[in-house]
Amino acid sequence: MTKPLADIRLEIDEIDQQLVRLIASRGELVKEAGQLKKTAQEVEAPDRIAQVIDRVSRYALETGADVRLVETLYRQMIAGFIQLEHQVVKKRD
């Protein structure tokens, strides 16, 4: 039997809360990492980006998530976090 739409939306809202909390936690770790980086090149880290995209794409496959959607979301998120790291590095210098 299908759940009522209102119940499904409540579950989605709970997941959204969890996701935002996790993104905030990731952002705090990004700031910490930014404190350790000395150059813009270290912030950009294309090899690290490739590793993350590869890893989350595999997670997506394993869990049945849409791989293209996960990759797109992570590329957007990483771009935002790179900007944050650049701000941290600039502020420190």
C-alpha atoms as a PDB file:
ATOM      1  CA  MET A   1       0.000   0.000   0.000  1.00  0.00           C
ATOM      2  CA  THR A   2       1.273   3.445  -0.909  1.00  0.00           C
ATOM      3  CA  LYS A   3       1.876   5.995   1.834  1.00  0.00           C
ATOM      4  CA  PRO A   4      -0.011   9.264   1.766  1.00  0.00           C
ATOM      5  CA  LEU A   5       1.810  12.097  -0.005  1.00  0.00           C
ATOM      6  CA  ALA A   6       2.006  14.095   3.230  1.00  0.00           C
ATOM      7  CA  ASP A   7       3.897  11.234   4.919  1.00  0.00           C
ATOM      8  CA  ILE A   8       6.308  10.931   2.014  1.00  0.00           C
ATOM      9  CA  ARG A   9       6.955  14.665   2.154  1.00  0.00           C
ATOM     10  CA  LEU A  10       7.654  14.483   5.891  1.00  0.00           C
ATOM     11  CA  GLU A  11      10.225  11.768   5.271  1.00  0.00           C
ATOM     12  CA  ILE A  12      11.807  13.867   2.514  1.00  0.00           C
ATOM     13  CA  ASP A  13      11.958  16.842   4.891  1.00  0.00           C
ATOM     14  CA  GLU A  14      13.723  14.693   7.508  1.00  0.00           C
ATOM     15  CA  ILE A  15      16.263  13.524   4.942  1.00  0.00           C
ATOM     16  CA  ASP A  16      16.802  17.133   3.830  1.00  0.00           C
ATOM     17  CA  GLN A  17      17.549  18.081   7.441  1.00  0.00           C
ATOM     18  CA  GLN A  18      20.091  15.281   7.694  1.00  0.00           C
ATOM     19  CA  LEU A  19      21.690  16.245   4.380  1.00  0.00           C
ATOM     20  CA  VAL A  20      22.040  19.902   5.374  1.00  0.00           C
ATOM     21  CA  ARG A  21      23.542  18.889   8.721  1.00  0.00           C
ATOM     22  CA  LEU A  22      26.064  16.677   6.917  1.00  0.00           C
ATOM     23  CA  ILE A  23      26.898  19.412   4.402  1.00  0.00           C
ATOM     24  CA  ALA A  24      27.536  21.796   7.301  1.00  0.00           C
ATOM     25  CA  SER A  25      29.843  19.215   8.911  1.00  0.00           C
ATOM     26  CA  ARG A  26      31.668  18.734   5.627  1.00  0.00           C
ATOM     27  CA  GLY A  27      32.043  22.499   5.343  1.00  0.00           C
ATOM     28  CA  GLU A  28      33.683  22.692   8.769  1.00  0.00           C
ATOM     29  CA  LEU A  29      36.181  20.015   7.726  1.00  0.00           C
ATOM     30  CA  VAL A  30      36.841  21.890   4.480  1.00  0.00           C
ATOM     31  CA  LYS A  31      37.666  24.996   6.527  1.00  0.00           C
ATOM     32  CA  GLU A  32      40.068  22.954   8.651  1.00  0.00           C
ATOM     33  CA  ALA A  33      41.723  21.579   5.524  1.00  0.00           C
ATOM     34  CA  GLY A  34      41.962  25.101   4.127  1.00  0.00           C
ATOM     35  CA  GLN A  35      43.974  26.120   7.186  1.00  0.00           C
ATOM     36  CA  LEU A  36      46.572  23.520   6.224  1.00  0.00           C
ATOM     37  CA  LYS A  37      46.862  24.482   2.558  1.00  0.00           C
ATOM     38  CA  LYS A  38      49.407  27.050   1.489  1.00  0.00           C
ATOM     39  CA  THR A  39      48.577  27.735  -2.155  1.00  0.00           C
ATOM     40  CA  ALA A  40      45.611  28.097  -4.481  1.00  0.00           C
ATOM     41  CA  GLN A  41      46.892  25.050  -6.353  1.00  0.00           C
ATOM     42  CA  GLU A  42      46.589  22.968  -3.193  1.00  0.00           C
ATOM     43  CA  VAL A  43      43.015  24.183  -2.822  1.00  0.00           C
ATOM     44  CA  GLU A  44      42.082  23.273  -6.409  1.00  0.00           C
ATOM     45  CA  ALA A  45      43.476  19.703  -6.067  1.00  0.00           C
ATOM     46  CA  PRO A  46      42.138  18.154  -9.318  1.00  0.00           C
ATOM     47  CA  ASP A  47      43.460  14.701  -8.370  1.00  0.00           C
ATOM     48  CA  ARG A  48      41.523  14.820  -5.101  1.00  0.00           C
ATOM     49  CA  ILE A  49      38.381  15.956  -6.916  1.00  0.00           C
ATOM     50  CA  ALA A  50      38.700  13.016  -9.311  1.00  0.00           C
ATOM     51  CA  GLN A  51      39.089  10.628  -6.352  1.00  0.00           C
ATOM     52  CA  VAL A  52      35.986  11.998  -4.632  1.00  0.00           C
ATOM     53  CA  ILE A  53      33.884  11.869  -7.805  1.00  0.00           C
ATOM     54  CA  ASP A  54      35.033   8.312  -8.497  1.00  0.00           C
ATOM     55  CA  ARG A  55      34.270   7.221  -4.931  1.00  0.00           C
ATOM     56  CA  VAL A  56      30.800   8.784  -4.744  1.00  0.00           C
ATOM     57  CA  SER A  57      29.952   7.428  -8.195  1.00  0.00           C
ATOM     58  CA  ARG A  58      30.779   3.946  -6.933  1.00  0.00           C
ATOM     59  CA  TYR A  59      28.651   4.562  -3.813  1.00  0.00           C
ATOM     60  CA  ALA A  60      25.817   5.655  -6.092  1.00  0.00           C
ATOM     61  CA  LEU A  61      26.073   2.462  -8.130  1.00  0.00           C
ATOM     62  CA  GLU A  62      26.165   0.330  -4.978  1.00  0.00           C
ATOM     63  CA  THR A  63      23.101   2.002  -3.480  1.00  0.00           C
ATOM     64  CA  GLY A  64      21.004   2.379  -6.610  1.00  0.00           C
ATOM     65  CA  ALA A  65      21.282   6.173  -6.694  1.00  0.00           C
ATOM     66  CA  ASP A  66      21.361   7.982 -10.021  1.00  0.00           C
ATOM     67  CA  VAL A  67      25.092   8.188 -10.788  1.00  0.00           C
ATOM     68  CA  ARG A  68      24.805  11.265 -13.012  1.00  0.00           C
ATOM     69  CA  LEU A  69      22.763  13.098 -10.399  1.00  0.00           C
ATOM     70  CA  VAL A  70      25.229  12.236  -7.625  1.00  0.00           C
ATOM     71  CA  GLU A  71      28.179  13.291  -9.764  1.00  0.00           C
ATOM     72  CA  THR A  72      26.489  16.572 -10.695  1.00  0.00           C
ATOM     73  CA  LEU A  73      25.593  17.336  -7.084  1.00  0.00           C
ATOM     74  CA  TYR A  74      29.114  16.580  -5.899  1.00  0.00           C
ATOM     75  CA  ARG A  75      30.744  18.684  -8.604  1.00  0.00           C
ATOM     76  CA  GLN A  76      28.541  21.617  -7.581  1.00  0.00           C
ATOM     77  CA  MET A  77      29.202  21.036  -3.898  1.00  0.00           C
ATOM     78  CA  ILE A  78      32.950  20.712  -4.432  1.00  0.00           C
ATOM     79  CA  ALA A  79      33.001  23.942  -6.449  1.00  0.00           C
ATOM     80  CA  GLY A  80      31.306  25.740  -3.570  1.00  0.00           C
ATOM     81  CA  PHE A  81      33.673  24.248  -1.018  1.00  0.00           C
ATOM     82  CA  ILE A  82      36.687  25.223  -3.148  1.00  0.00           C
ATOM     83  CA  GLN A  83      35.468  28.823  -3.025  1.00  0.00           C
ATOM     84  CA  LEU A  84      35.150  28.498   0.747  1.00  0.00           C
ATOM     85  CA  GLU A  85      38.690  27.124   1.014  1.00  0.00           C
ATOM     86  CA  HIS A  86      40.033  29.982  -1.100  1.00  0.00           C
ATOM     87  CA  GLN A  87      38.423  32.418   1.339  1.00  0.00           C
ATOM     88  CA  VAL A  88      40.014  30.606   4.278  1.00  0.00           C
ATOM     89  CA  VAL A  89      43.465  30.698   2.639  1.00  0.00           C
ATOM     90  CA  LYS A  90      43.102  34.399   1.736  1.00  0.00           C
ATOM     91  CA  LYS A  91      41.898  35.318   5.217  1.00  0.00           C
ATOM     92  CA  ARG A  92      44.838  33.509   6.781  1.00  0.00           C
ATOM     93  CA  ASP A  93      47.445  35.220   4.569  1.00  0.00           C
END
